[in-house]
Amino acid sequence: MTDATKKTRNVNPMKILGMIIPSLPSILFRFSGEYLRFRSKANKGGCVFHNELIYQGLDASTAKSLTEVYLEGSNILKYVFSLRGWNNSS
């Protein structure tokens, strides 16, 4: 490798961290807003799903359990915890 290539590959992690830290509040604010909108849409979809199950003739307890299974797929935190290997007790 040439000296120029070595210089470009030498990345200072503190410099990268120094660039990321000031932008963290805005990133967290944007992602939290998107997360809340996503959960709101998922819950609305769950209500429609529940009401349709009852309308089609299922009893309320079965419809509720099926709706919980339906909404489980929209739990992003569950996926994050499972990917990271953390135990999510909630």
Protein backbone atom coordinates (compact mmCIF):
# COMPACT_ATOMS: atom_id res chain seq x y z
CA MET A 1 0.00 0.00 0.00
CA THR A 2 1.08 3.52 -0.59
CA ASP A 3 1.35 6.13 2.13
CA ALA A 4 -1.73 7.95 0.84
CA THR A 5 -3.84 4.78 1.12
CA LYS A 6 -2.64 4.17 4.67
CA LYS A 7 -3.56 7.72 5.66
CA THR A 8 -7.08 7.45 4.25
CA ARG A 9 -7.70 4.11 6.00
CA ASN A 10 -6.55 5.38 9.37
CA VAL A 11 -9.84 6.53 10.90
CA ASN A 12 -9.89 8.10 14.31
CA PRO A 13 -12.88 6.69 16.26
CA MET A 14 -12.92 9.70 18.57
CA LYS A 15 -13.38 11.99 15.58
CA ILE A 16 -16.35 9.92 14.36
CA LEU A 17 -17.83 9.86 17.87
CA GLY A 18 -17.35 13.62 18.10
CA MET A 19 -19.36 14.06 14.91
CA ILE A 20 -22.17 11.71 16.00
CA ILE A 21 -22.75 12.92 19.57
CA PRO A 22 -23.98 16.45 18.68
CA SER A 23 -26.54 15.02 16.24
CA LEU A 24 -27.88 12.34 18.64
CA PRO A 25 -30.72 14.44 20.13
CA SER A 26 -32.17 15.25 16.71
CA ILE A 27 -31.81 11.63 15.54
CA LEU A 28 -33.52 10.32 18.67
CA PHE A 29 -36.28 12.92 18.33
CA ARG A 30 -36.95 11.91 14.71
CA PHE A 31 -36.89 8.17 15.39
CA SER A 32 -39.12 8.47 18.44
CA GLY A 33 -41.70 10.39 16.40
CA GLU A 34 -41.62 7.77 13.67
CA TYR A 35 -41.86 4.99 16.23
CA LEU A 36 -44.92 6.58 17.85
CA ARG A 37 -46.61 7.04 14.46
CA PHE A 38 -45.84 3.42 13.57
CA ARG A 39 -47.28 2.13 16.88
CA SER A 40 -50.36 4.31 16.45
CA LYS A 41 -51.03 2.90 12.98
CA ALA A 42 -50.41 -0.64 14.23
CA ASN A 43 -52.86 -0.18 17.09
CA LYS A 44 -55.49 1.24 14.73
CA GLY A 45 -54.96 -1.77 12.46
CA GLY A 46 -55.30 -4.04 15.49
CA CYS A 47 -58.64 -2.45 16.40
CA VAL A 48 -59.93 -2.92 12.85
CA PHE A 49 -58.69 -6.52 12.88
CA HIS A 50 -60.38 -7.18 16.24
CA ASN A 51 -63.66 -5.63 15.14
CA GLU A 52 -63.66 -7.61 11.89
CA LEU A 53 -63.06 -10.86 13.75
CA ILE A 54 -66.01 -10.15 16.02
CA TYR A 55 -68.11 -9.08 13.02
CA GLN A 56 -67.28 -12.39 11.29
CA GLY A 57 -68.59 -14.34 14.28
CA LEU A 58 -65.64 -15.07 16.57
CA ASP A 59 -66.13 -14.71 20.30
CA ALA A 60 -64.44 -11.78 22.05
CA SER A 61 -61.79 -13.77 23.94
CA THR A 62 -60.57 -15.57 20.81
CA ALA A 63 -60.61 -12.30 18.86
CA LYS A 64 -58.57 -10.62 21.60
CA SER A 65 -55.93 -13.37 21.64
CA LEU A 66 -55.68 -13.32 17.84
CA THR A 67 -55.35 -9.54 17.89
CA GLU A 68 -52.48 -9.79 20.39
CA VAL A 69 -50.71 -12.22 18.06
CA TYR A 70 -51.41 -9.85 15.16
CA LEU A 71 -49.94 -6.87 17.05
CA GLU A 72 -46.89 -8.85 18.17
CA GLY A 73 -45.48 -8.51 14.68
CA SER A 74 -45.37 -4.72 14.99
CA ASN A 75 -43.30 -4.74 18.17
CA ILE A 76 -39.99 -3.35 16.93
CA LEU A 77 -38.36 -3.50 20.34
CA LYS A 78 -38.93 -7.24 20.43
CA TYR A 79 -36.93 -7.61 17.23
CA VAL A 80 -34.16 -5.32 18.46
CA PHE A 81 -33.81 -7.23 21.73
CA SER A 82 -33.80 -10.59 19.97
CA LEU A 83 -31.19 -9.43 17.45
CA ARG A 84 -28.95 -8.06 20.19
CA GLY A 85 -29.38 -11.17 22.34
CA TRP A 86 -30.91 -9.28 25.25
CA ASN A 87 -33.67 -10.80 27.31
CA ASN A 88 -36.87 -8.80 26.92
CA SER A 89 -39.10 -9.75 29.83
CA SER A 90 -41.95 -7.39 28.92
